[in-house]
Amino acid sequence: MNVNIQTVHFDAYADLRSYIEKKLDKLEQFREKMKIRKVDVYLQLNKLSSGLKEKTAGIRIRIPGGKEIYVKTTSLLFEESFDNALDSVVEQLVRIKHKVKRPKAKIAKWLRKYHIAA
């Protein structure tokens, strides 16, 4: 799986990059069945008028068949923004994977099993 991390308005430190790559291991369970080949992670630093710095994380996943999943979240920490975006991506992948096979109740049970916030 090819992972591309892009940053806007700052340079990501090594710890942040390793944190992201470690968390993306969660997608390995979908790699074989969904044939995920490329994951793009976008990190952006925005300065607010109040002086705070807002951190935005976006994740784009391309799967065969021309489908694309893109999620973007914002918070005061990059790690929190990335975690929220990744949870949303995993939930969407689960729904795509089990679209026909399982009803929503079973999807919710699967999400709880893997400790993913729904």
Protein backbone atom coordinates (compact mmCIF):
# COMPACT_ATOMS: atom_id res chain seq x y z
CA MET A 1 0.00 0.00 0.00
CA ASN A 2 1.48 3.31 -1.08
CA VAL A 3 1.19 6.06 1.56
CA ASN A 4 1.76 9.70 0.65
CA ILE A 5 1.84 12.36 3.39
CA GLN A 6 1.59 15.99 2.28
CA THR A 7 1.81 19.01 4.54
CA VAL A 8 0.66 22.57 3.92
CA HIS A 9 2.12 25.61 5.75
CA PHE A 10 4.49 23.53 7.93
CA ASP A 11 6.97 20.63 7.92
CA ALA A 12 5.78 17.48 9.71
CA TYR A 13 8.11 16.19 12.37
CA ALA A 14 9.26 12.55 12.29
CA ASP A 15 7.11 11.54 15.28
CA LEU A 16 3.94 12.75 13.54
CA ARG A 17 4.82 10.88 10.35
CA SER A 18 5.54 7.65 12.24
CA TYR A 19 2.29 8.08 14.24
CA ILE A 20 0.32 8.37 10.99
CA GLU A 21 2.02 5.38 9.38
CA LYS A 22 1.42 3.28 12.50
CA LYS A 23 -2.27 4.23 12.60
CA LEU A 24 -2.67 3.46 8.88
CA ASP A 25 -1.88 -0.17 9.70
CA LYS A 26 -5.56 -0.31 10.66
CA LEU A 27 -6.29 -0.26 6.92
CA GLU A 28 -4.29 -3.45 6.28
CA GLN A 29 -7.38 -5.53 7.08
CA PHE A 30 -9.08 -3.99 4.01
CA ARG A 31 -6.09 -4.00 1.68
CA GLU A 32 -6.54 -7.49 0.25
CA LYS A 33 -10.32 -7.49 -0.23
CA MET A 34 -10.77 -3.83 -1.20
CA LYS A 35 -7.50 -3.71 -3.17
CA ILE A 36 -6.40 -0.42 -1.61
CA ARG A 37 -3.27 0.68 -3.38
CA LYS A 38 -2.86 4.34 -2.54
CA VAL A 39 -3.56 6.42 0.54
CA ASP A 40 -3.02 10.18 0.56
CA VAL A 41 -2.86 12.04 3.87
CA TYR A 42 -3.10 15.84 3.86
CA LEU A 43 -2.14 17.88 6.91
CA GLN A 44 -2.76 21.62 6.98
CA LEU A 45 -2.06 24.29 9.57
CA ASN A 46 -4.47 27.25 9.60
CA LYS A 47 -4.08 30.32 11.76
CA LEU A 48 -7.32 31.64 13.22
CA SER A 49 -7.97 35.31 13.91
CA SER A 50 -7.94 34.55 17.65
CA GLY A 51 -4.30 33.47 17.40
CA LEU A 52 -4.99 29.75 17.74
CA LYS A 53 -3.71 27.34 15.16
CA GLU A 54 -6.28 24.99 13.70
CA LYS A 55 -5.05 21.61 12.44
CA THR A 56 -6.80 19.90 9.55
CA ALA A 57 -6.25 16.29 8.45
CA GLY A 58 -7.63 14.79 5.28
CA ILE A 59 -7.43 11.19 4.09
CA ARG A 60 -8.08 10.13 0.50
CA ILE A 61 -8.24 6.46 -0.43
CA ARG A 62 -8.59 5.24 -3.98
CA ILE A 63 -10.06 1.80 -4.59
CA PRO A 64 -10.59 0.07 -7.95
CA GLY A 65 -13.73 0.82 -9.88
CA GLY A 66 -13.21 4.57 -9.76
CA LYS A 67 -14.35 4.84 -6.15
CA GLU A 68 -12.72 7.29 -3.83
CA ILE A 69 -13.18 8.00 -0.13
CA TYR A 70 -12.18 11.42 1.18
CA VAL A 71 -12.61 12.58 4.75
CA LYS A 72 -11.44 15.87 6.24
CA THR A 73 -11.58 16.82 9.93
CA THR A 74 -10.32 19.76 11.97
CA SER A 75 -9.30 20.17 15.60
CA LEU A 76 -6.56 21.74 17.73
CA LEU A 77 -4.24 18.70 17.43
CA PHE A 78 -3.05 16.89 14.31
CA GLU A 79 -3.27 13.53 16.04
CA GLU A 80 -6.90 14.11 17.03
CA SER A 81 -7.84 15.33 13.54
CA PHE A 82 -6.14 12.35 11.93
CA ASP A 83 -7.71 9.83 14.32
CA ASN A 84 -11.21 11.21 13.68
CA ALA A 85 -10.67 11.12 9.92
CA LEU A 86 -9.27 7.57 10.03
CA ASP A 87 -12.21 6.31 12.12
CA SER A 88 -14.59 7.76 9.55
CA VAL A 89 -12.66 6.18 6.66
CA VAL A 90 -12.66 2.76 8.37
CA GLU A 91 -16.40 3.01 8.97
CA GLN A 92 -16.99 3.82 5.28
CA LEU A 93 -14.76 0.93 4.18
CA VAL A 94 -16.68 -1.45 6.45
CA ARG A 95 -19.94 -0.30 4.91
CA ILE A 96 -18.61 -0.76 1.38
CA LYS A 97 -17.11 -4.16 2.22
CA HIS A 98 -20.30 -5.48 3.80
CA LYS A 99 -22.78 -3.50 1.73
CA VAL A 100 -24.74 -6.47 0.45
CA LYS A 101 -23.68 -9.20 2.86
CA ARG A 102 -24.58 -7.77 6.26
CA PRO A 103 -27.32 -5.56 7.69
CA LYS A 104 -26.49 -2.41 9.70
CA ALA A 105 -26.82 -4.20 13.07
CA LYS A 106 -23.98 -6.54 12.17
CA ILE A 107 -21.85 -3.64 10.94
CA ALA A 108 -22.35 -1.88 14.29
CA LYS A 109 -21.34 -5.09 16.10
CA TRP A 110 -18.20 -5.35 13.96
CA LEU A 111 -17.30 -1.72 14.71
CA ARG A 112 -17.65 -2.36 18.45
CA LYS A 113 -15.55 -5.52 18.16
CA TYR A 114 -12.61 -3.55 16.74
CA HIS A 115 -13.11 -0.61 19.13
CA ILE A 116 -14.03 1.87 16.42
CA ALA A 117 -16.25 4.80 17.35
CA ALA A 118 -19.44 4.79 15.30
